[in-house]
Amino acid sequence: MQRRRFLASAASLLAAPAFIPNLRAASPNGKVRHASFGAGGQAFADLQSFANSPNFELVAIADVDTSAFAAIKAKWPEVKCYQDWRELLEKESATLDSVNVSVPDHLHATMGAAVLHAGKHLYGQKPLTQNLRECRFITELAREKGVMTQMGIQISSAFTERFAVRLVQDGAVGKIKEVHTFSAKLWGDLDPVPQREDPIPASLNWDHWLAGAAARPYLKDYYHPGNWRKRRDFGTGTLGDMGCHMFSGWMRALALTSPISVKSSGPAPGKDNWALHGHVEYLFPGTQYTADKEVKVTWTDGDARPPQAVADLVGGKLPREGSLYIGTEGVLVCGHMSRPLIYPLEKGKGYKFPELEPRDHYVEFLDCVRNGGAKPSANFDYAGPLTEAVLLGCLSSIFPGKSLEWDAASLTFKNAPEANPFVGRTYRPGWEIPGLKA
């Protein structure tokens, strides 16, 4: 009964927008007073996208690497800059409405929890967190605090994904029998960690960059600024990087909840680094949109690709990244950020495009902060279960060849107690997340 209640609740959250009553208003002038945890890379891109709204006001930023401040100051001369995000939150909290967390994966939960405990609206980059226990904790904490949340899966607001969801739910290719989803990215590393220590740049607080992870020597360009995605203590590999984008379409289209089981057939990661060329099979409970009581979804990345027999269903060639739905009456192929195509093509020619209102993922979040009412479309009640599915695949790669039976309600594997310690992690003293049970 506990599992059925959990799945029913998750299904309702995935299927429909939710509402938040009585949220605090934004600033009196109508601007959303915002801070960014992260200044360079994805954080800078996020801020540029937020700035498309006339209601956006950047108050402060924090980044452990002060070399990122110059570009921020050039665009927002009045912004306050901090190297310690905790100091920013302490000093600026009274003037803030919202915060985006756009930093390496291992800090998503640490920073996100602090933002939520401060009662601020939160835009969190994908994946929502780095491990399953953090993900459930952040999802429930956001719900408890009653704030607006949005995960950074911009594709979920794009016409292309929303059109694909409509096609599937309208039965354009019948009931769905199977899904293949794939990315050619290569966020892994087969080599051991180099045995050296490089000088720490003067601009970087290396200890704060490590945060809850175990202390280790700084290695130039090995972790910071970009290669952390390959490292097990900091990133989540190709699946963690792209999975939240790629899974969003079919999880929403099929109204899927939590997997029953997950099995990796790809190579195992090393002690420190994620593997390449992943292959993960999920089994989900079926829904009104699936052909059977259960539906299989297969993820592949890097050089691992769907079988040629699957590619032959759509003319022999698949896009570099995307998803393919095999239905009872046809096949739908959705290249990442590309217009979906129905096969056989003759069947798809007569399909009329639906009328879908335009939606900006960033502006939607800011508008929800200002106006209250409906939650953003990728709020954490949606993004949490989505991220859990992604992270299950990452975890399964540690146990290749074994089908792991998942109990979502208890966050445990029913047939693999050896996998349960990987549901969470141990934090370096002083970096524990308040309220998160180990």
Protein backbone atom coordinates (compact mmCIF):
# COMPACT_ATOMS: atom_id res chain seq x y z
CA MET A 1 0.00 0.00 0.00
CA GLN A 2 2.83 2.42 0.84
CA ARG A 3 4.40 1.93 -2.60
CA ARG A 4 1.03 2.29 -4.38
CA ARG A 5 0.31 5.54 -2.55
CA PHE A 6 3.76 6.87 -3.42
CA LEU A 7 3.40 6.00 -7.12
CA ALA A 8 -0.11 7.41 -7.32
CA SER A 9 1.10 10.66 -5.76
CA ALA A 10 4.08 10.85 -8.11
CA ALA A 11 1.87 10.18 -11.13
CA SER A 12 -0.46 13.03 -10.25
CA LEU A 13 2.46 15.41 -9.81
CA LEU A 14 3.94 14.48 -13.19
CA ALA A 15 0.66 14.66 -15.04
CA ALA A 16 -0.66 18.08 -14.07
CA PRO A 17 0.52 21.53 -13.00
CA ALA A 18 0.24 22.25 -9.31
CA PHE A 19 -0.60 25.41 -7.41
CA ILE A 20 0.99 27.20 -4.47
CA PRO A 21 -1.24 29.52 -2.41
CA ASN A 22 -0.24 32.64 -0.51
CA LEU A 23 3.36 33.05 -1.62
CA ARG A 24 5.22 36.18 -0.55
CA ALA A 25 5.23 38.92 -3.14
CA ALA A 26 8.33 40.10 -4.95
CA SER A 27 9.75 43.60 -4.49
CA PRO A 28 7.34 46.57 -4.49
CA ASN A 29 8.54 47.73 -7.93
CA GLY A 30 7.61 44.38 -9.42
CA LYS A 31 11.18 43.26 -9.95
CA VAL A 32 12.36 39.82 -8.87
CA ARG A 33 15.46 40.48 -6.78
CA HIS A 34 17.78 37.66 -7.63
CA ALA A 35 21.16 36.17 -6.67
CA SER A 36 23.25 33.62 -8.50
CA PHE A 37 25.35 30.88 -6.95
CA GLY A 38 27.83 30.57 -9.78
CA ALA A 39 29.14 33.29 -12.08
CA GLY A 40 30.87 31.65 -15.03
CA GLY A 41 29.92 28.97 -17.55
CA GLN A 42 26.34 27.76 -17.17
CA ALA A 43 25.64 30.32 -14.46
CA PHE A 44 26.49 33.20 -16.81
CA ALA A 45 24.31 31.68 -19.52
CA ASP A 46 21.45 31.32 -17.03
CA LEU A 47 21.76 34.96 -15.97
CA GLN A 48 21.68 36.13 -19.57
CA SER A 49 18.48 34.15 -20.07
CA PHE A 50 16.90 35.56 -16.89
CA ALA A 51 17.77 39.04 -18.15
CA ASN A 52 15.34 38.54 -21.04
CA SER A 53 12.64 39.40 -18.55
CA PRO A 54 12.14 43.11 -17.78
CA ASN A 55 11.23 42.02 -14.25
CA PHE A 56 14.66 40.60 -13.45
CA GLU A 57 17.02 42.42 -11.08
CA LEU A 58 20.40 40.84 -10.31
CA VAL A 59 21.42 41.82 -6.77
CA ALA A 60 24.41 39.60 -6.01
CA ILE A 61 26.49 36.68 -7.20
CA ALA A 62 28.83 34.22 -5.51
CA ASP A 63 31.55 32.11 -7.05
CA VAL A 64 34.51 30.34 -5.49
CA ASP A 65 36.57 31.49 -8.50
CA THR A 66 36.74 35.29 -8.60
CA SER A 67 38.10 35.24 -12.16
CA ALA A 68 34.47 34.94 -13.27
CA PHE A 69 33.52 38.30 -11.76
CA ALA A 70 34.84 40.55 -14.54
CA ALA A 71 32.34 39.37 -17.16
CA ILE A 72 29.50 39.71 -14.66
CA LYS A 73 30.55 43.23 -13.70
CA ALA A 74 30.77 44.24 -17.35
CA LYS A 75 27.10 43.38 -17.84
CA TRP A 76 25.76 44.21 -14.36
CA PRO A 77 28.05 46.93 -12.93
CA GLU A 78 26.06 47.34 -9.70
CA VAL A 79 26.01 43.65 -8.71
CA LYS A 80 27.60 42.64 -5.41
CA CYS A 81 30.20 39.86 -5.69
CA TYR A 82 31.07 37.30 -3.03
CA GLN A 83 33.49 34.40 -3.05
CA ASP A 84 31.57 32.63 -0.27
CA TRP A 85 27.94 31.88 -1.14
CA ARG A 86 27.10 31.49 2.54
CA GLU A 87 28.23 35.04 3.22
CA LEU A 88 26.06 36.27 0.34
CA LEU A 89 23.00 34.51 1.72
CA GLU A 90 23.61 35.88 5.20
CA LYS A 91 24.17 39.50 4.13
CA GLU A 92 21.73 39.79 1.22
CA SER A 93 18.89 37.52 2.29
CA ALA A 94 16.60 40.39 3.31
CA THR A 95 16.76 41.86 -0.20
CA LEU A 96 16.39 38.65 -2.19
CA ASP A 97 13.39 36.90 -3.69
CA SER A 98 15.09 34.10 -5.61
CA VAL A 99 18.39 32.33 -6.25
CA ASN A 100 19.73 30.15 -9.05
CA VAL A 101 22.18 27.35 -8.24
CA SER A 102 24.33 26.81 -11.35
CA VAL A 103 27.45 25.09 -10.06
CA PRO A 104 28.96 21.56 -10.18
CA ASP A 105 26.54 18.78 -9.28
CA HIS A 106 28.03 17.98 -5.86
CA LEU A 107 26.97 21.40 -4.54
CA HIS A 108 23.39 21.44 -5.84
CA ALA A 109 21.86 19.99 -2.68
CA THR A 110 24.15 21.85 -0.28
CA MET A 111 23.37 25.24 -1.77
CA GLY A 112 19.79 24.41 -2.65
CA ALA A 113 18.95 23.36 0.90
CA ALA A 114 20.38 26.62 2.26
CA VAL A 115 18.31 28.64 -0.22
CA LEU A 116 15.15 26.75 0.68
CA HIS A 117 15.79 27.04 4.43
CA ALA A 118 16.09 30.80 3.85
CA GLY A 119 12.64 30.76 2.24
CA LYS A 120 13.82 31.85 -1.21
CA HIS A 121 12.48 30.70 -4.56
CA LEU A 122 14.96 28.37 -6.25
CA TYR A 123 16.03 27.75 -9.84
CA GLY A 124 18.28 24.69 -9.68
CA GLN A 125 20.38 23.43 -12.54
CA LYS A 126 20.10 19.80 -13.60
CA PRO A 127 20.52 17.22 -12.27
CA LEU A 128 18.57 18.44 -9.28
CA THR A 129 21.18 16.84 -6.97
CA GLN A 130 24.08 14.43 -7.24
CA ASN A 131 22.54 11.47 -5.42
CA LEU A 132 19.15 9.96 -4.70
CA ARG A 133 18.91 10.77 -1.00
CA GLU A 134 19.70 14.42 -1.66
CA CYS A 135 17.12 14.49 -4.44
CA ARG A 136 14.28 13.23 -2.30
CA PHE A 137 15.31 15.58 0.51
CA ILE A 138 15.38 18.68 -1.71
CA THR A 139 12.07 17.76 -3.36
CA GLU A 140 10.33 17.38 -0.01
CA LEU A 141 11.99 20.46 1.50
CA ALA A 142 10.85 22.64 -1.40
CA ARG A 143 7.30 21.38 -0.97
CA GLU A 144 7.45 22.04 2.77
CA LYS A 145 8.73 25.62 2.28
CA GLY A 146 6.04 26.44 -0.30
CA VAL A 147 8.35 28.30 -2.66
CA MET A 148 8.53 28.40 -6.44
CA THR A 149 11.07 26.04 -7.98
CA GLN A 150 12.28 25.23 -11.47
CA MET A 151 14.97 22.82 -12.68
CA GLY A 152 17.17 23.93 -15.57
CA ILE A 153 15.82 21.65 -18.29
CA GLN A 154 15.07 24.33 -20.83
CA ILE A 155 14.07 21.74 -23.44
CA SER A 156 10.97 20.95 -21.39
CA SER A 157 9.62 24.39 -22.27
CA ALA A 158 10.62 24.21 -25.94
CA PHE A 159 7.94 23.70 -28.57
CA THR A 160 9.73 20.59 -29.85
CA GLU A 161 9.35 18.63 -26.61
CA ARG A 162 5.84 19.85 -25.89
CA PHE A 163 4.83 18.90 -29.43
CA ALA A 164 6.29 15.42 -28.94
CA VAL A 165 4.35 15.02 -25.70
CA ARG A 166 1.15 16.00 -27.51
CA LEU A 167 1.85 13.55 -30.34
CA VAL A 168 2.33 10.65 -27.95
CA GLN A 169 -0.66 11.48 -25.79
CA ASP A 170 -2.87 12.03 -28.85
CA GLY A 171 -1.99 8.52 -29.98
CA ALA A 172 -0.21 9.58 -33.18
CA VAL A 173 1.78 6.30 -33.16
CA GLY A 174 -0.62 4.30 -31.02
CA LYS A 175 0.22 2.96 -27.59
CA ILE A 176 3.94 3.01 -26.77
CA LYS A 177 5.66 -0.38 -26.56
CA GLU A 178 9.24 0.75 -25.94
CA VAL A 179 11.45 3.86 -25.80
CA HIS A 180 15.11 4.36 -26.72
CA THR A 181 16.87 7.53 -25.59
CA PHE A 182 20.50 8.35 -26.34
CA SER A 183 23.33 10.89 -26.32
CA ALA A 184 26.72 10.75 -28.03
CA LYS A 185 28.41 12.86 -25.36
CA LEU A 186 31.50 11.48 -23.62
CA TRP A 187 31.52 12.63 -19.99
CA GLY A 188 33.69 9.83 -18.65
CA ASP A 189 37.34 8.96 -18.19
CA LEU A 190 39.02 5.58 -18.35
CA ASP A 191 42.35 6.78 -16.96
CA PRO A 192 43.36 6.90 -13.27
CA VAL A 193 43.73 10.20 -11.44
CA PRO A 194 47.13 11.79 -12.18
CA GLN A 195 49.53 11.51 -9.25
CA ARG A 196 50.66 15.12 -8.98
CA GLU A 197 49.68 18.42 -7.36
CA ASP A 198 49.44 21.73 -9.21
CA PRO A 199 49.51 25.28 -7.79
CA ILE A 200 46.06 26.56 -6.85
CA PRO A 201 45.16 29.73 -8.77
CA ALA A 202 45.02 32.84 -6.60
CA SER A 203 41.44 33.44 -7.74
CA LEU A 204 40.15 30.04 -6.55
CA ASN A 205 39.09 28.91 -3.08
CA TRP A 206 39.83 25.23 -3.64
CA ASP A 207 38.59 24.15 -0.21
CA HIS A 208 35.16 25.72 -0.86
CA TRP A 209 35.07 24.25 -4.35
CA LEU A 210 35.55 20.78 -2.84
CA ALA A 211 32.87 21.52 -0.23
CA GLY A 212 31.53 18.20 1.12
CA ALA A 213 33.84 16.01 -0.95
CA ALA A 214 37.02 14.56 0.52
CA ALA A 215 40.10 16.80 0.38
CA ARG A 216 42.52 16.14 -2.49
CA PRO A 217 45.29 17.94 -4.44
CA TYR A 218 44.32 20.55 -6.99
CA LEU A 219 44.97 19.40 -10.57
CA LYS A 220 44.93 22.04 -13.28
CA ASP A 221 41.94 21.56 -15.64
CA TYR A 222 41.19 18.13 -14.19
CA TYR A 223 38.27 19.15 -11.99
CA HIS A 224 37.71 22.88 -12.40
CA PRO A 225 36.31 24.52 -14.46
CA GLY A 226 34.71 21.86 -16.68
CA ASN A 227 35.91 18.29 -16.30
CA TRP A 228 34.25 17.71 -12.93
CA ARG A 229 31.35 16.03 -14.80
CA LYS A 230 33.62 13.03 -15.39
CA ARG A 231 34.49 12.61 -11.69
CA ARG A 232 32.33 10.48 -9.41
CA ASP A 233 32.70 12.77 -6.38
CA PHE A 234 31.56 15.85 -8.28
CA GLY A 235 29.57 15.02 -11.41
CA THR A 236 27.22 12.35 -12.72
CA GLY A 237 28.73 11.46 -16.09
CA THR A 238 26.94 11.66 -19.43
CA LEU A 239 23.71 10.23 -18.07
CA GLY A 240 23.59 12.77 -15.26
CA ASP A 241 24.50 15.62 -17.61
CA MET A 242 22.02 14.88 -20.40
CA GLY A 243 19.53 12.50 -18.81
CA CYS A 244 17.32 15.15 -17.24
CA HIS A 245 16.97 16.78 -20.67
CA MET A 246 16.42 13.54 -22.56
CA PHE A 247 14.16 11.81 -20.02
CA SER A 248 11.83 14.76 -19.61
CA GLY A 249 9.97 14.25 -22.88
CA TRP A 250 9.07 10.59 -22.50
CA MET A 251 8.48 10.70 -18.75
CA ARG A 252 5.97 13.51 -19.24
CA ALA A 253 4.48 12.04 -22.43
CA LEU A 254 3.91 8.62 -20.86
CA ALA A 255 3.08 9.98 -17.36
CA LEU A 256 5.71 7.65 -15.89
CA THR A 257 6.51 7.58 -12.20
CA SER A 258 9.37 5.63 -10.64
CA PRO A 259 11.14 2.65 -12.23
CA ILE A 260 10.46 -0.87 -11.02
CA SER A 261 13.99 -1.93 -11.88
CA VAL A 262 17.16 -0.71 -13.57
CA LYS A 263 20.01 -2.66 -15.14
CA SER A 264 23.31 -1.48 -16.59
CA SER A 265 24.90 -3.48 -19.38
CA GLY A 266 27.69 -0.99 -19.96
CA PRO A 267 31.16 -0.79 -18.44
CA ALA A 268 31.55 -0.11 -14.73
CA PRO A 269 32.98 3.22 -13.60
CA GLY A 270 36.39 3.38 -11.98
CA LYS A 271 36.93 4.30 -8.36
CA ASP A 272 37.19 8.00 -9.21
CA ASN A 273 35.73 8.48 -12.70
CA TRP A 274 32.54 7.65 -14.56
CA ALA A 275 32.72 5.19 -17.43
CA LEU A 276 32.11 5.81 -21.12
CA HIS A 277 29.62 4.23 -23.53
CA GLY A 278 26.82 3.52 -21.06
CA HIS A 279 23.88 1.19 -21.62
CA VAL A 280 21.04 1.17 -19.08
CA GLU A 281 17.64 -0.51 -19.23
CA TYR A 282 14.73 0.73 -17.12
CA LEU A 283 11.43 -0.99 -16.47
CA PHE A 284 8.55 1.31 -15.54
CA PRO A 285 4.95 0.56 -14.58
CA GLY A 286 2.73 1.02 -17.62
CA THR A 287 0.21 3.84 -17.97
CA GLN A 288 -2.74 4.72 -20.18
CA TYR A 289 -0.24 5.66 -22.91
CA THR A 290 1.69 2.37 -22.97
CA ALA A 291 0.82 -0.86 -24.76
CA ASP A 292 1.48 -3.14 -21.79
CA LYS A 293 1.43 -3.18 -18.01
CA GLU A 294 5.14 -2.42 -18.06
CA VAL A 295 7.29 -0.42 -20.47
CA LYS A 296 11.03 -0.65 -21.11
CA VAL A 297 13.17 2.41 -21.69
CA THR A 298 16.78 2.00 -22.83
CA TRP A 299 19.48 4.66 -22.40
CA THR A 300 22.76 4.62 -24.34
CA ASP A 301 25.57 7.15 -24.50
CA GLY A 302 28.92 7.75 -26.17
CA ASP A 303 29.69 5.09 -28.76
CA ALA A 304 26.92 2.85 -27.45
CA ARG A 305 23.87 3.35 -29.66
CA PRO A 306 20.45 1.78 -30.13
CA PRO A 307 20.55 -1.41 -32.24
CA GLN A 308 20.60 -1.04 -36.00
CA ALA A 309 17.18 -2.69 -36.11
CA VAL A 310 15.85 0.30 -34.17
CA ALA A 311 17.58 2.79 -36.46
CA ASP A 312 16.11 0.96 -39.46
CA LEU A 313 12.63 1.84 -38.22
CA VAL A 314 13.40 5.49 -39.07
CA GLY A 315 15.38 5.18 -42.27
CA GLY A 316 18.57 3.72 -40.89
CA LYS A 317 20.03 6.80 -39.20
CA LEU A 318 19.42 8.28 -35.77
CA PRO A 319 20.17 11.82 -34.57
CA ARG A 320 23.21 12.36 -32.34
CA GLU A 321 20.94 12.84 -29.34
CA GLY A 322 17.27 12.20 -28.88
CA SER A 323 14.51 9.72 -28.15
CA LEU A 324 12.63 7.18 -30.21
CA TYR A 325 9.17 5.87 -29.32
CA ILE A 326 8.10 2.53 -30.78
CA GLY A 327 4.32 2.49 -30.89
CA THR A 328 1.67 0.00 -31.92
CA GLU A 329 0.87 2.11 -35.01
CA GLY A 330 4.18 3.73 -35.91
CA VAL A 331 7.42 5.21 -34.64
CA LEU A 332 8.16 8.70 -33.37
CA VAL A 333 11.74 10.01 -33.46
CA CYS A 334 12.60 13.17 -31.54
CA GLY A 335 16.06 14.60 -32.12
CA HIS A 336 17.24 16.77 -29.24
CA MET A 337 15.72 20.24 -29.85
CA SER A 338 14.48 19.12 -33.29
CA ARG A 339 11.01 18.75 -34.74
CA PRO A 340 9.59 15.26 -34.04
CA LEU A 341 9.01 13.02 -37.05
CA ILE A 342 6.45 10.24 -37.41
CA TYR A 343 7.38 7.07 -39.29
CA PRO A 344 6.32 5.87 -41.73
CA LEU A 345 6.66 9.41 -43.06
CA GLU A 346 3.44 9.11 -45.07
CA LYS A 347 1.56 8.69 -41.81
CA GLY A 348 3.10 11.84 -40.37
CA LYS A 349 2.42 14.12 -43.36
CA GLY A 350 -1.20 14.55 -42.53
CA TYR A 351 -0.72 15.38 -38.87
CA LYS A 352 -1.78 18.92 -38.01
CA PHE A 353 0.48 20.89 -35.68
CA PRO A 354 -1.20 21.64 -32.36
CA GLU A 355 -1.59 25.17 -31.09
CA LEU A 356 0.89 25.60 -28.24
CA GLU A 357 1.51 28.87 -26.46
CA PRO A 358 5.15 30.06 -26.45
CA ARG A 359 6.96 29.53 -23.16
CA ASP A 360 10.31 30.80 -21.91
CA HIS A 361 11.69 28.50 -19.21
CA TYR A 362 13.43 31.30 -17.32
CA VAL A 363 10.77 33.95 -17.67
CA GLU A 364 8.14 31.41 -16.59
CA PHE A 365 10.01 30.94 -13.30
CA LEU A 366 10.29 34.68 -12.70
CA ASP A 367 6.64 35.24 -13.56
CA CYS A 368 5.59 32.53 -11.10
CA VAL A 369 7.72 34.16 -8.40
CA ARG A 370 6.05 37.53 -9.08
CA ASN A 371 2.48 36.31 -9.46
CA GLY A 372 2.11 33.19 -7.31
CA GLY A 373 -0.51 30.61 -8.27
CA ALA A 374 0.59 27.98 -10.76
CA LYS A 375 3.98 26.36 -10.30
CA PRO A 376 6.61 26.47 -13.06
CA SER A 377 6.39 23.55 -15.46
CA ALA A 378 9.64 21.90 -14.27
CA ASN A 379 9.03 22.49 -10.56
CA PHE A 380 10.74 20.13 -8.14
CA ASP A 381 7.64 17.96 -7.68
CA TYR A 382 8.15 17.11 -11.36
CA ALA A 383 11.94 17.42 -11.51
CA GLY A 384 12.54 15.36 -8.37
CA PRO A 385 11.13 12.02 -9.64
CA LEU A 386 12.67 12.74 -13.06
CA THR A 387 16.11 13.23 -11.50
CA GLU A 388 15.70 10.14 -9.34
CA ALA A 389 15.21 8.04 -12.48
CA VAL A 390 18.36 9.52 -14.01
CA LEU A 391 20.42 8.96 -10.87
CA LEU A 392 19.22 5.37 -10.61
CA GLY A 393 20.83 4.75 -13.98
CA CYS A 394 24.09 6.31 -12.82
CA LEU A 395 24.09 4.16 -9.70
CA SER A 396 23.25 0.97 -11.62
CA SER A 397 26.44 1.33 -13.66
CA ILE A 398 28.41 0.50 -10.49
CA PHE A 399 26.80 -2.98 -10.61
CA PRO A 400 26.85 -3.95 -14.29
CA GLY A 401 24.81 -6.98 -15.31
CA LYS A 402 22.58 -6.97 -12.21
CA SER A 403 18.93 -5.99 -12.38
CA LEU A 404 18.36 -3.74 -9.35
CA GLU A 405 14.80 -3.84 -8.01
CA TRP A 406 13.91 -0.39 -6.74
CA ASP A 407 11.53 0.55 -3.93
CA ALA A 408 10.99 4.27 -4.41
CA ALA A 409 9.02 4.82 -1.23
CA SER A 410 11.87 3.64 0.99
CA LEU A 411 14.77 4.67 -1.30
CA THR A 412 16.19 1.15 -1.16
CA PHE A 413 16.98 -1.73 -3.50
CA LYS A 414 14.95 -4.78 -2.59
CA ASN A 415 17.35 -7.35 -4.02
CA ALA A 416 20.70 -5.60 -3.74
CA PRO A 417 21.60 -4.36 -0.25
CA GLU A 418 25.15 -3.78 -1.51
CA ALA A 419 23.80 -0.95 -3.67
CA ASN A 420 22.00 0.89 -0.86
CA PRO A 421 25.07 2.74 0.49
CA PHE A 422 25.35 4.50 -2.88
CA VAL A 423 21.88 6.06 -2.48
CA GLY A 424 23.54 8.83 -0.43
CA ARG A 425 27.05 9.94 0.45
CA THR A 426 29.27 10.94 3.38
CA TYR A 427 30.13 14.64 3.74
CA ARG A 428 33.36 16.20 4.90
CA PRO A 429 32.96 17.55 8.45
CA GLY A 430 31.56 21.07 8.39
CA TRP A 431 29.77 20.55 5.06
CA GLU A 432 26.85 18.40 6.19
CA ILE A 433 23.43 19.41 4.86
CA PRO A 434 21.12 20.52 7.71
CA GLY A 435 18.12 18.24 8.00
CA LEU A 436 19.45 15.55 5.64
CA LYS A 437 19.81 12.22 7.40
CA ALA A 438 22.86 10.22 6.36
